[in-house]
């Protein structure tokens, strides 16, 4: 059996005034997941808990993201969360606050045999 990716979803999220990188990342993951209804588990005959979901988050301050909070958003499957430098921190006019922009790529895979 081999880990086989079957879908990739992309999302963007923001925290407009709080400067919270985890909150922006959670919103990005929800943006990626909640805008569609993929029936991959059913289509391949797997239980939903068989999904292997790799979440890659891009934010300006990767060390400021709570990976467990990101993984907790996923309703099914086994999650891995990778946080890399990306996204944007946009300072406000007076410099006292900033907007965080996060990007997410969520890849759904299954451990499955190749059909030959």
PDB file of N, CA and C in Angstrom:
ATOM      1  N   UNK A   1       0.853  -1.173   0.000  1.00  0.00           N
ATOM      2  CA  UNK A   1       0.000   0.000   0.000  1.00  0.00           C
ATOM      3  C   UNK A   1       0.903   1.242   0.000  1.00  0.00           C
ATOM      4  N   UNK A   2       0.364   2.311  -0.535  1.00  0.00           N
ATOM      5  CA  UNK A   2       1.115   3.568  -0.623  1.00  0.00           C
ATOM      6  C   UNK A   2       0.204   4.737  -0.280  1.00  0.00           C
ATOM      7  N   UNK A   3       0.783   5.738   0.335  1.00  0.00           N
ATOM      8  CA  UNK A   3       0.024   6.956   0.630  1.00  0.00           C
ATOM      9  C   UNK A   3      -0.199   7.677  -0.691  1.00  0.00           C
ATOM     10  N   UNK A   4      -1.469   7.827  -1.074  1.00  0.00           N
ATOM     11  CA  UNK A   4      -1.828   8.394  -2.372  1.00  0.00           C
ATOM     12  C   UNK A   4      -2.681   9.648  -2.188  1.00  0.00           C
ATOM     13  N   UNK A   5      -2.162  10.810  -2.606  1.00  0.00           N
ATOM     14  CA  UNK A   5      -2.968  12.034  -2.527  1.00  0.00           C
ATOM     15  C   UNK A   5      -4.127  11.970  -3.515  1.00  0.00           C
ATOM     16  N   UNK A   6      -5.315  12.392  -3.061  1.00  0.00           N
ATOM     17  CA  UNK A   6      -6.486  12.377  -3.932  1.00  0.00           C
ATOM     18  C   UNK A   6      -7.123  13.757  -4.085  1.00  0.00           C
ATOM     19  N   UNK A   7      -6.771  14.704  -3.226  1.00  0.00           N
ATOM     20  CA  UNK A   7      -7.342  16.053  -3.333  1.00  0.00           C
ATOM     21  C   UNK A   7      -6.441  17.045  -2.612  1.00  0.00           C
ATOM     22  N   UNK A   8      -6.378  18.252  -3.163  1.00  0.00           N
ATOM     23  CA  UNK A   8      -5.680  19.367  -2.514  1.00  0.00           C
ATOM     24  C   UNK A   8      -6.627  20.560  -2.525  1.00  0.00           C
ATOM     25  N   UNK A   9      -6.808  21.160  -1.374  1.00  0.00           N
ATOM     26  CA  UNK A   9      -7.667  22.335  -1.253  1.00  0.00           C
ATOM     27  C   UNK A   9      -6.829  23.489  -0.701  1.00  0.00           C
ATOM     28  N   UNK A  10      -7.130  24.704  -1.153  1.00  0.00           N
ATOM     29  CA  UNK A  10      -6.377  25.894  -0.758  1.00  0.00           C
ATOM     30  C   UNK A  10      -7.300  26.889  -0.069  1.00  0.00           C
ATOM     31  N   UNK A  11      -6.740  27.631   0.895  1.00  0.00           N
ATOM     32  CA  UNK A  11      -7.539  28.627   1.584  1.00  0.00           C
ATOM     33  C   UNK A  11      -6.702  29.792   2.073  1.00  0.00           C
ATOM     34  N   UNK A  12      -7.385  30.890   2.364  1.00  0.00           N
ATOM     35  CA  UNK A  12      -6.749  32.071   2.922  1.00  0.00           C
ATOM     36  C   UNK A  12      -7.585  32.547   4.092  1.00  0.00           C
ATOM     37  N   UNK A  13      -6.900  32.977   5.144  1.00  0.00           N
ATOM     38  CA  UNK A  13      -7.596  33.497   6.309  1.00  0.00           C
ATOM     39  C   UNK A  13      -6.865  34.682   6.891  1.00  0.00           C
ATOM     40  N   UNK A  14      -7.599  35.519   7.622  1.00  0.00           N
ATOM     41  CA  UNK A  14      -7.001  36.709   8.211  1.00  0.00           C
ATOM     42  C   UNK A  14      -7.412  36.861   9.670  1.00  0.00           C
ATOM     43  N   UNK A  15      -6.577  37.573  10.403  1.00  0.00           N
ATOM     44  CA  UNK A  15      -6.965  38.140  11.690  1.00  0.00           C
ATOM     45  C   UNK A  15      -6.731  39.627  11.511  1.00  0.00           C
ATOM     46  N   UNK A  16      -7.807  40.365  11.373  1.00  0.00           N
ATOM     47  CA  UNK A  16      -7.716  41.760  10.938  1.00  0.00           C
ATOM     48  C   UNK A  16      -7.034  42.689  11.933  1.00  0.00           C
ATOM     49  N   UNK A  17      -7.265  42.508  13.229  1.00  0.00           N
ATOM     50  CA  UNK A  17      -6.685  43.449  14.176  1.00  0.00           C
ATOM     51  C   UNK A  17      -5.982  42.802  15.356  1.00  0.00           C
ATOM     52  N   UNK A  18      -6.173  41.505  15.548  1.00  0.00           N
ATOM     53  CA  UNK A  18      -5.628  40.859  16.740  1.00  0.00           C
ATOM     54  C   UNK A  18      -4.184  40.417  16.631  1.00  0.00           C
ATOM     55  N   UNK A  19      -3.645  40.344  15.416  1.00  0.00           N
ATOM     56  CA  UNK A  19      -2.270  39.893  15.247  1.00  0.00           C
ATOM     57  C   UNK A  19      -2.065  38.435  15.617  1.00  0.00           C
ATOM     58  N   UNK A  20      -3.123  37.617  15.523  1.00  0.00           N
ATOM     59  CA  UNK A  20      -3.064  36.225  15.954  1.00  0.00           C
ATOM     60  C   UNK A  20      -2.856  35.305  14.747  1.00  0.00           C
ATOM     61  N   UNK A  21      -1.661  34.737  14.655  1.00  0.00           N
ATOM     62  CA  UNK A  21      -1.314  33.894  13.512  1.00  0.00           C
ATOM     63  C   UNK A  21      -2.083  32.571  13.519  1.00  0.00           C
ATOM     64  N   UNK A  22      -2.359  32.023  14.700  1.00  0.00           N
ATOM     65  CA  UNK A  22      -3.141  30.789  14.774  1.00  0.00           C
ATOM     66  C   UNK A  22      -4.572  31.034  14.308  1.00  0.00           C
ATOM     67  N   UNK A  23      -5.175  32.120  14.735  1.00  0.00           N
ATOM     68  CA  UNK A  23      -6.550  32.436  14.334  1.00  0.00           C
ATOM     69  C   UNK A  23      -6.633  32.594  12.809  1.00  0.00           C
ATOM     70  N   UNK A  24      -5.674  33.278  12.215  1.00  0.00           N
ATOM     71  CA  UNK A  24      -5.665  33.449  10.760  1.00  0.00           C
ATOM     72  C   UNK A  24      -5.489  32.101  10.060  1.00  0.00           C
ATOM     73  N   UNK A  25      -4.637  31.238  10.611  1.00  0.00           N
ATOM     74  CA  UNK A  25      -4.410  29.918  10.008  1.00  0.00           C
ATOM     75  C   UNK A  25      -5.655  29.040  10.108  1.00  0.00           C
ATOM     76  N   UNK A  26      -6.337  29.080  11.233  1.00  0.00           N
ATOM     77  CA  UNK A  26      -7.584  28.320  11.384  1.00  0.00           C
ATOM     78  C   UNK A  26      -8.611  28.804  10.364  1.00  0.00           C
ATOM     79  N   UNK A  27      -8.723  30.095  10.198  1.00  0.00           N
ATOM     80  CA  UNK A  27      -9.675  30.634   9.211  1.00  0.00           C
ATOM     81  C   UNK A  27      -9.290  30.218   7.797  1.00  0.00           C
ATOM     82  N   UNK A  28      -7.994  30.149   7.507  1.00  0.00           N
ATOM     83  CA  UNK A  28      -7.540  29.710   6.185  1.00  0.00           C
ATOM     84  C   UNK A  28      -7.895  28.247   5.948  1.00  0.00           C
ATOM     85  N   UNK A  29      -7.704  27.403   6.974  1.00  0.00           N
ATOM     86  CA  UNK A  29      -8.050  25.991   6.827  1.00  0.00           C
ATOM     87  C   UNK A  29      -9.557  25.824   6.645  1.00  0.00           C
ATOM     88  N   UNK A  30     -10.342  26.550   7.407  1.00  0.00           N
ATOM     89  CA  UNK A  30     -11.797  26.480   7.239  1.00  0.00           C
ATOM     90  C   UNK A  30     -12.203  26.951   5.845  1.00  0.00           C
ATOM     91  N   UNK A  31     -11.532  27.975   5.332  1.00  0.00           N
ATOM     92  CA  UNK A  31     -11.807  28.451   3.981  1.00  0.00           C
ATOM     93  C   UNK A  31     -11.537  27.344   2.967  1.00  0.00           C
ATOM     94  N   UNK A  32     -10.453  26.606   3.171  1.00  0.00           N
ATOM     95  CA  UNK A  32     -10.103  25.518   2.255  1.00  0.00           C
ATOM     96  C   UNK A  32     -11.115  24.376   2.320  1.00  0.00           C
ATOM     97  N   UNK A  33     -11.592  24.064   3.504  1.00  0.00           N
ATOM     98  CA  UNK A  33     -12.431  22.880   3.683  1.00  0.00           C
ATOM     99  C   UNK A  33     -13.925  23.116   3.556  1.00  0.00           C
ATOM    100  N   UNK A  34     -14.390  24.228   4.015  1.00  0.00           N
ATOM    101  CA  UNK A  34     -15.831  24.434   4.155  1.00  0.00           C
ATOM    102  C   UNK A  34     -16.503  24.897   2.865  1.00  0.00           C
ATOM    103  N   UNK A  35     -15.755  25.165   1.816  1.00  0.00           N
ATOM    104  CA  UNK A  35     -16.369  25.635   0.576  1.00  0.00           C
ATOM    105  C   UNK A  35     -16.664  24.522  -0.419  1.00  0.00           C
ATOM    106  N   UNK A  36     -16.478  23.293  -0.005  1.00  0.00           N
ATOM    107  CA  UNK A  36     -16.760  22.201  -0.921  1.00  0.00           C
ATOM    108  C   UNK A  36     -17.155  20.973  -0.122  1.00  0.00           C
ATOM    109  N   UNK A  37     -17.654  20.005  -0.823  1.00  0.00           N
ATOM    110  CA  UNK A  37     -18.051  18.754  -0.184  1.00  0.00           C
ATOM    111  C   UNK A  37     -17.420  17.619  -0.973  1.00  0.00           C
ATOM    112  N   UNK A  38     -16.252  17.203  -0.525  1.00  0.00           N
ATOM    113  CA  UNK A  38     -15.556  16.112  -1.199  1.00  0.00           C
ATOM    114  C   UNK A  38     -15.996  14.791  -0.593  1.00  0.00           C
ATOM    115  N   UNK A  39     -16.360  13.868  -1.431  1.00  0.00           N
ATOM    116  CA  UNK A  39     -16.809  12.553  -0.981  1.00  0.00           C
ATOM    117  C   UNK A  39     -15.743  11.502  -1.234  1.00  0.00           C
ATOM    118  N   UNK A  40     -14.477  11.877  -1.027  1.00  0.00           N
ATOM    119  CA  UNK A  40     -13.373  10.983  -1.366  1.00  0.00           C
ATOM    120  C   UNK A  40     -13.425   9.666  -0.603  1.00  0.00           C
ATOM    121  N   UNK A  41     -13.662   9.718   0.685  1.00  0.00           N
ATOM    122  CA  UNK A  41     -13.687   8.474   1.468  1.00  0.00           C
ATOM    123  C   UNK A  41     -14.754   7.532   0.928  1.00  0.00           C
ATOM    124  N   UNK A  42     -15.938   8.051   0.724  1.00  0.00           N
ATOM    125  CA  UNK A  42     -17.036   7.237   0.198  1.00  0.00           C
ATOM    126  C   UNK A  42     -16.728   6.721  -1.212  1.00  0.00           C
ATOM    127  N   UNK A  43     -16.152   7.582  -2.040  1.00  0.00           N
ATOM    128  CA  UNK A  43     -15.863   7.203  -3.429  1.00  0.00           C
ATOM    129  C   UNK A  43     -14.873   6.045  -3.510  1.00  0.00           C
ATOM    130  N   UNK A  44     -13.925   6.000  -2.569  1.00  0.00           N
ATOM    131  CA  UNK A  44     -12.919   4.947  -2.578  1.00  0.00           C
ATOM    132  C   UNK A  44     -13.262   3.784  -1.634  1.00  0.00           C
ATOM    133  N   UNK A  45     -14.401   3.889  -0.953  1.00  0.00           N
ATOM    134  CA  UNK A  45     -14.819   2.818  -0.061  1.00  0.00           C
ATOM    135  C   UNK A  45     -14.079   2.780   1.270  1.00  0.00           C
ATOM    136  N   UNK A  46     -13.564   3.921   1.711  1.00  0.00           N
ATOM    137  CA  UNK A  46     -12.854   4.005   2.986  1.00  0.00           C
ATOM    138  C   UNK A  46     -13.734   4.689   4.031  1.00  0.00           C
ATOM    139  N   UNK A  47     -13.522   4.367   5.297  1.00  0.00           N
ATOM    140  CA  UNK A  47     -14.173   5.174   6.335  1.00  0.00           C
ATOM    141  C   UNK A  47     -13.523   6.558   6.367  1.00  0.00           C
ATOM    142  N   UNK A  48     -14.257   7.544   6.803  1.00  0.00           N
ATOM    143  CA  UNK A  48     -13.716   8.912   6.828  1.00  0.00           C
ATOM    144  C   UNK A  48     -12.488   9.038   7.710  1.00  0.00           C
ATOM    145  N   UNK A  49     -12.419   8.237   8.758  1.00  0.00           N
ATOM    146  CA  UNK A  49     -11.255   8.296   9.642  1.00  0.00           C
ATOM    147  C   UNK A  49      -9.978   7.778   8.980  1.00  0.00           C
ATOM    148  N   UNK A  50     -10.089   7.151   7.804  1.00  0.00           N
ATOM    149  CA  UNK A  50      -8.915   6.677   7.076  1.00  0.00           C
ATOM    150  C   UNK A  50      -8.208   7.804   6.321  1.00  0.00           C
ATOM    151  N   UNK A  51      -8.821   8.979   6.286  1.00  0.00           N
ATOM    152  CA  UNK A  51      -8.192  10.107   5.593  1.00  0.00           C
ATOM    153  C   UNK A  51      -6.901  10.502   6.298  1.00  0.00           C
ATOM    154  N   UNK A  52      -5.896  10.779   5.505  1.00  0.00           N
ATOM    155  CA  UNK A  52      -4.623  11.303   5.996  1.00  0.00           C
ATOM    156  C   UNK A  52      -4.555  12.723   5.446  1.00  0.00           C
ATOM    157  N   UNK A  53      -4.567  13.705   6.323  1.00  0.00           N
ATOM    158  CA  UNK A  53      -4.638  15.100   5.891  1.00  0.00           C
ATOM    159  C   UNK A  53      -3.365  15.821   6.309  1.00  0.00           C
ATOM    160  N   UNK A  54      -2.658  16.340   5.307  1.00  0.00           N
ATOM    161  CA  UNK A  54      -1.463  17.139   5.579  1.00  0.00           C
ATOM    162  C   UNK A  54      -1.838  18.603   5.345  1.00  0.00           C
ATOM    163  N   UNK A  55      -1.701  19.401   6.380  1.00  0.00           N
ATOM    164  CA  UNK A  55      -2.029  20.822   6.308  1.00  0.00           C
ATOM    165  C   UNK A  55      -0.724  21.609   6.311  1.00  0.00           C
ATOM    166  N   UNK A  56      -0.501  22.364   5.261  1.00  0.00           N
ATOM    167  CA  UNK A  56       0.683  23.231   5.172  1.00  0.00           C
ATOM    168  C   UNK A  56       0.212  24.670   5.300  1.00  0.00           C
ATOM    169  N   UNK A  57       0.724  25.355   6.312  1.00  0.00           N
ATOM    170  CA  UNK A  57       0.312  26.726   6.640  1.00  0.00           C
ATOM    171  C   UNK A  57       1.467  27.663   6.336  1.00  0.00           C
ATOM    172  N   UNK A  58       1.175  28.770   5.664  1.00  0.00           N
ATOM    173  CA  UNK A  58       2.170  29.815   5.442  1.00  0.00           C
ATOM    174  C   UNK A  58       1.771  31.082   6.188  1.00  0.00           C
ATOM    175  N   UNK A  59       2.595  31.500   7.140  1.00  0.00           N
ATOM    176  CA  UNK A  59       2.388  32.742   7.890  1.00  0.00           C
ATOM    177  C   UNK A  59       3.735  33.422   8.075  1.00  0.00           C
ATOM    178  N   UNK A  60       3.692  34.719   8.356  1.00  0.00           N
ATOM    179  CA  UNK A  60       4.927  35.474   8.519  1.00  0.00           C
ATOM    180  C   UNK A  60       5.724  35.039   9.755  1.00  0.00           C
ATOM    181  N   UNK A  61       5.024  34.557  10.776  1.00  0.00           N
ATOM    182  CA  UNK A  61       5.699  34.101  12.002  1.00  0.00           C
ATOM    183  C   UNK A  61       5.295  32.662  12.316  1.00  0.00           C
ATOM    184  N   UNK A  62       5.944  31.691  11.701  1.00  0.00           N
ATOM    185  CA  UNK A  62       5.575  30.286  11.906  1.00  0.00           C
ATOM    186  C   UNK A  62       5.617  29.849  13.370  1.00  0.00           C
ATOM    187  N   UNK A  63       6.518  30.399  14.144  1.00  0.00           N
ATOM    188  CA  UNK A  63       6.642  30.022  15.551  1.00  0.00           C
ATOM    189  C   UNK A  63       5.441  30.461  16.386  1.00  0.00           C
ATOM    190  N   UNK A  64       4.597  31.323  15.832  1.00  0.00           N
ATOM    191  CA  UNK A  64       3.434  31.844  16.566  1.00  0.00           C
ATOM    192  C   UNK A  64       2.169  31.025  16.328  1.00  0.00           C
ATOM    193  N   UNK A  65       2.282  29.887  15.616  1.00  0.00           N
ATOM    194  CA  UNK A  65       1.099  29.083  15.286  1.00  0.00           C
ATOM    195  C   UNK A  65       1.032  27.852  16.180  1.00  0.00           C
ATOM    196  N   UNK A  66      -0.136  27.601  16.737  1.00  0.00           N
ATOM    197  CA  UNK A  66      -0.414  26.425  17.553  1.00  0.00           C
ATOM    198  C   UNK A  66      -0.871  25.296  16.622  1.00  0.00           C
ATOM    199  N   UNK A  67       0.026  24.362  16.338  1.00  0.00           N
ATOM    200  CA  UNK A  67      -0.282  23.275  15.398  1.00  0.00           C
ATOM    201  C   UNK A  67      -1.435  22.402  15.874  1.00  0.00           C
ATOM    202  N   UNK A  68      -1.523  22.172  17.165  1.00  0.00           N
ATOM    203  CA  UNK A  68      -2.614  21.340  17.694  1.00  0.00           C
ATOM    204  C   UNK A  68      -3.968  21.995  17.450  1.00  0.00           C
ATOM    205  N   UNK A  69      -4.032  23.313  17.560  1.00  0.00           N
ATOM    206  CA  UNK A  69      -5.287  24.025  17.302  1.00  0.00           C
ATOM    207  C   UNK A  69      -5.681  23.907  15.832  1.00  0.00           C
ATOM    208  N   UNK A  70      -4.704  23.905  14.946  1.00  0.00           N
ATOM    209  CA  UNK A  70      -4.980  23.745  13.513  1.00  0.00           C
ATOM    210  C   UNK A  70      -5.518  22.334  13.256  1.00  0.00           C
ATOM    211  N   UNK A  71      -4.846  21.322  13.788  1.00  0.00           N
ATOM    212  CA  UNK A  71      -5.258  19.934  13.584  1.00  0.00           C
ATOM    213  C   UNK A  71      -6.655  19.685  14.141  1.00  0.00           C
ATOM    214  N   UNK A  72      -7.013  20.357  15.219  1.00  0.00           N
ATOM    215  CA  UNK A  72      -8.322  20.157  15.859  1.00  0.00           C
ATOM    216  C   UNK A  72      -9.486  20.615  14.986  1.00  0.00           C
ATOM    217  N   UNK A  73      -9.223  21.416  13.969  1.00  0.00           N
ATOM    218  CA  UNK A  73     -10.273  21.888  13.059  1.00  0.00           C
ATOM    219  C   UNK A  73     -10.796  20.751  12.186  1.00  0.00           C
ATOM    220  N   UNK A  74      -9.944  19.793  11.885  1.00  0.00           N
ATOM    221  CA  UNK A  74     -10.319  18.723  10.958  1.00  0.00           C
ATOM    222  C   UNK A  74     -11.334  17.776  11.593  1.00  0.00           C
ATOM    223  N   UNK A  75     -12.453  17.545  10.907  1.00  0.00           N
ATOM    224  CA  UNK A  75     -13.503  16.710  11.491  1.00  0.00           C
ATOM    225  C   UNK A  75     -13.205  15.215  11.433  1.00  0.00           C
ATOM    226  N   UNK A  76     -12.325  14.781  10.516  1.00  0.00           N
ATOM    227  CA  UNK A  76     -12.039  13.361  10.322  1.00  0.00           C
ATOM    228  C   UNK A  76     -10.566  13.164  10.024  1.00  0.00           C
ATOM    229  N   UNK A  77     -10.135  11.934  10.170  1.00  0.00           N
ATOM    230  CA  UNK A  77      -8.818  11.537   9.706  1.00  0.00           C
ATOM    231  C   UNK A  77      -7.682  11.857  10.659  1.00  0.00           C
ATOM    232  N   UNK A  78      -6.492  11.561  10.166  1.00  0.00           N
ATOM    233  CA  UNK A  78      -5.258  11.811  10.891  1.00  0.00           C
ATOM    234  C   UNK A  78      -4.586  13.028  10.281  1.00  0.00           C
ATOM    235  N   UNK A  79      -4.233  13.980  11.126  1.00  0.00           N
ATOM    236  CA  UNK A  79      -3.678  15.241  10.631  1.00  0.00           C
ATOM    237  C   UNK A  79      -2.197  15.374  10.942  1.00  0.00           C
ATOM    238  N   UNK A  80      -1.482  15.964   9.989  1.00  0.00           N
ATOM    239  CA  UNK A  80      -0.145  16.487  10.251  1.00  0.00           C
ATOM    240  C   UNK A  80      -0.195  17.948   9.843  1.00  0.00           C
ATOM    241  N   UNK A  81       0.465  18.784  10.612  1.00  0.00           N
ATOM    242  CA  UNK A  81       0.472  20.221  10.340  1.00  0.00           C
ATOM    243  C   UNK A  81       1.913  20.679  10.193  1.00  0.00           C
ATOM    244  N   UNK A  82       2.192  21.331   9.095  1.00  0.00           N
ATOM    245  CA  UNK A  82       3.505  21.906   8.812  1.00  0.00           C
ATOM    246  C   UNK A  82       3.311  23.408   8.682  1.00  0.00           C
ATOM    247  N   UNK A  83       4.130  24.183   9.377  1.00  0.00           N
ATOM    248  CA  UNK A  83       4.015  25.638   9.314  1.00  0.00           C
ATOM    249  C   UNK A  83       5.313  26.198   8.743  1.00  0.00           C
ATOM    250  N   UNK A  84       5.177  27.004   7.697  1.00  0.00           N
ATOM    251  CA  UNK A  84       6.337  27.584   7.021  1.00  0.00           C
ATOM    252  C   UNK A  84       6.187  29.100   6.940  1.00  0.00           C
ATOM    253  N   UNK A  85       7.274  29.746   6.636  1.00  0.00           N
ATOM    254  CA  UNK A  85       7.213  31.192   6.470  1.00  0.00           C
ATOM    255  C   UNK A  85       6.493  31.518   5.170  1.00  0.00           C
ATOM    256  N   UNK A  86       5.532  32.431   5.253  1.00  0.00           N
ATOM    257  CA  UNK A  86       4.732  32.828   4.101  1.00  0.00           C
ATOM    258  C   UNK A  86       3.692  33.821   4.560  1.00  0.00           C
ATOM    259  N   UNK A  87       2.594  33.922   3.840  1.00  0.00           N
ATOM    260  CA  UNK A  87       1.550  34.856   4.235  1.00  0.00           C
ATOM    261  C   UNK A  87       2.073  36.275   4.345  1.00  0.00           C
ATOM    262  N   UNK A  88       1.376  37.086   5.121  1.00  0.00           N
ATOM    263  CA  UNK A  88       1.771  38.492   5.293  1.00  0.00           C
ATOM    264  C   UNK A  88       1.361  38.985   6.666  1.00  0.00           C
ATOM    265  N   UNK A  89       2.153  39.860   7.224  1.00  0.00           N
ATOM    266  CA  UNK A  89       1.758  40.704   8.347  1.00  0.00           C
ATOM    267  C   UNK A  89       1.703  42.122   7.796  1.00  0.00           C
ATOM    268  N   UNK A  90       0.528  42.717   7.822  1.00  0.00           N
ATOM    269  CA  UNK A  90       0.334  44.047   7.245  1.00  0.00           C
ATOM    270  C   UNK A  90       0.131  45.037   8.385  1.00  0.00           C
ATOM    271  N   UNK A  91       1.087  45.956   8.586  1.00  0.00           N
ATOM    272  CA  UNK A  91       0.952  46.913   9.697  1.00  0.00           C
ATOM    273  C   UNK A  91      -0.161  47.917   9.448  1.00  0.00           C
ATOM    274  N   UNK A  92      -0.823  48.320  10.551  1.00  0.00           N
ATOM    275  CA  UNK A  92      -1.833  49.368  10.466  1.00  0.00           C
ATOM    276  C   UNK A  92      -1.164  50.720  10.291  1.00  0.00           C
ATOM    277  N   UNK A  93      -1.977  51.726  10.053  1.00  0.00           N
ATOM    278  CA  UNK A  93      -1.439  53.066   9.792  1.00  0.00           C
ATOM    279  C   UNK A  93      -0.586  53.611  10.926  1.00  0.00           C
ATOM    280  N   UNK A  94      -1.014  53.400  12.160  1.00  0.00           N
ATOM    281  CA  UNK A  94      -0.254  53.952  13.278  1.00  0.00           C
ATOM    282  C   UNK A  94       0.810  52.980  13.798  1.00  0.00           C
ATOM    283  N   UNK A  95       0.868  51.768  13.239  1.00  0.00           N
ATOM    284  CA  UNK A  95       1.885  50.802  13.621  1.00  0.00           C
ATOM    285  C   UNK A  95       1.601  50.044  14.907  1.00  0.00           C
ATOM    286  N   UNK A  96       0.480  50.311  15.573  1.00  0.00           N
ATOM    287  CA  UNK A  96       0.200  49.645  16.843  1.00  0.00           C
ATOM    288  C   UNK A  96      -0.443  48.272  16.660  1.00  0.00           C
ATOM    289  N   UNK A  97      -1.092  48.027  15.530  1.00  0.00           N
ATOM    290  CA  UNK A  97      -1.738  46.750  15.237  1.00  0.00           C
ATOM    291  C   UNK A  97      -1.333  46.305  13.843  1.00  0.00           C
ATOM    292  N   UNK A  98      -1.541  45.016  13.583  1.00  0.00           N
ATOM    293  CA  UNK A  98      -1.288  44.524  12.232  1.00  0.00           C
ATOM    294  C   UNK A  98      -2.286  43.431  11.885  1.00  0.00           C
ATOM    295  N   UNK A  99      -2.515  43.290  10.590  1.00  0.00           N
ATOM    296  CA  UNK A  99      -3.381  42.247  10.061  1.00  0.00           C
ATOM    297  C   UNK A  99      -2.518  41.067   9.657  1.00  0.00           C
ATOM    298  N   UNK A 100      -2.924  39.877  10.065  1.00  0.00           N
ATOM    299  CA  UNK A 100      -2.221  38.647   9.693  1.00  0.00           C
ATOM    300  C   UNK A 100      -2.979  37.989   8.554  1.00  0.00           C
ATOM    301  N   UNK A 101      -2.250  37.627   7.511  1.00  0.00           N
ATOM    302  CA  UNK A 101      -2.823  36.870   6.406  1.00  0.00           C
ATOM    303  C   UNK A 101      -2.108  35.526   6.354  1.00  0.00           C
ATOM    304  N   UNK A 102      -2.887  34.444   6.397  1.00  0.00           N
ATOM    305  CA  UNK A 102      -2.350  33.084   6.346  1.00  0.00           C
ATOM    306  C   UNK A 102      -2.863  32.374   5.097  1.00  0.00           C
ATOM    307  N   UNK A 103      -2.027  31.511   4.543  1.00  0.00           N
ATOM    308  CA  UNK A 103      -2.414  30.660   3.423  1.00  0.00           C
ATOM    309  C   UNK A 103      -2.282  29.205   3.851  1.00  0.00           C
ATOM    310  N   UNK A 104      -3.174  28.356   3.329  1.00  0.00           N
ATOM    311  CA  UNK A 104      -3.175  26.940   3.681  1.00  0.00           C
ATOM    312  C   UNK A 104      -3.344  26.096   2.421  1.00  0.00           C
ATOM    313  N   UNK A 105      -2.617  24.987   2.388  1.00  0.00           N
ATOM    314  CA  UNK A 105      -2.865  23.921   1.417  1.00  0.00           C
ATOM    315  C   UNK A 105      -3.138  22.665   2.232  1.00  0.00           C
ATOM    316  N   UNK A 106      -4.297  22.063   2.026  1.00  0.00           N
ATOM    317  CA  UNK A 106      -4.677  20.837   2.736  1.00  0.00           C
ATOM    318  C   UNK A 106      -4.738  19.703   1.721  1.00  0.00           C
ATOM    319  N   UNK A 107      -3.884  18.713   1.906  1.00  0.00           N
ATOM    320  CA  UNK A 107      -3.825  17.566   0.999  1.00  0.00           C
ATOM    321  C   UNK A 107      -4.456  16.356   1.681  1.00  0.00           C
ATOM    322  N   UNK A 108      -5.449  15.763   1.024  1.00  0.00           N
ATOM    323  CA  UNK A 108      -6.119  14.578   1.545  1.00  0.00           C
ATOM    324  C   UNK A 108      -5.568  13.365   0.804  1.00  0.00           C
ATOM    325  N   UNK A 109      -5.115  12.365   1.582  1.00  0.00           N
ATOM    326  CA  UNK A 109      -4.553  11.144   1.008  1.00  0.00           C
ATOM    327  C   UNK A 109      -5.192   9.928   1.688  1.00  0.00           C
ATOM    328  N   UNK A 110      -4.992   8.766   1.040  1.00  0.00           N
ATOM    329  CA  UNK A 110      -5.387   7.488   1.622  1.00  0.00           C
ATOM    330  C   UNK A 110      -4.246   6.514   1.425  1.00  0.00           C
ATOM    331  N   UNK A 111      -4.151   5.527   2.298  1.00  0.00           N
ATOM    332  CA  UNK A 111      -3.200   4.431   2.130  1.00  0.00           C
ATOM    333  C   UNK A 111      -3.920   3.398   1.288  1.00  0.00           C
ATOM    334  N   UNK A 112      -3.530   3.306   0.010  1.00  0.00           N
ATOM    335  CA  UNK A 112      -4.275   2.451  -0.920  1.00  0.00           C
ATOM    336  C   UNK A 112      -3.347   1.736  -1.889  1.00  0.00           C
ATOM    337  N   UNK A 113      -3.850   0.649  -2.426  1.00  0.00           N
ATOM    338  CA  UNK A 113      -3.115  -0.118  -3.420  1.00  0.00           C
ATOM    339  C   UNK A 113      -3.271   0.524  -4.799  1.00  0.00           C
ATOM    340  N   UNK A 114      -2.234   0.405  -5.576  1.00  0.00           N
ATOM    341  CA  UNK A 114      -2.319   0.867  -6.960  1.00  0.00           C
ATOM    342  C   UNK A 114      -3.150  -0.127  -7.760  1.00  0.00           C
ATOM    343  N   UNK A 115      -4.003   0.386  -8.637  1.00  0.00           N
ATOM    344  CA  UNK A 115      -4.804  -0.477  -9.506  1.00  0.00           C
ATOM    345  C   UNK A 115      -4.005  -0.767 -10.765  1.00  0.00           C
ATOM    346  N   UNK A 116      -3.664  -2.020 -10.956  1.00  0.00           N
ATOM    347  CA  UNK A 116      -2.858  -2.379 -12.136  1.00  0.00           C
ATOM    348  C   UNK A 116      -3.586  -3.424 -12.951  1.00  0.00           C
TER     349      UNK A 116
END
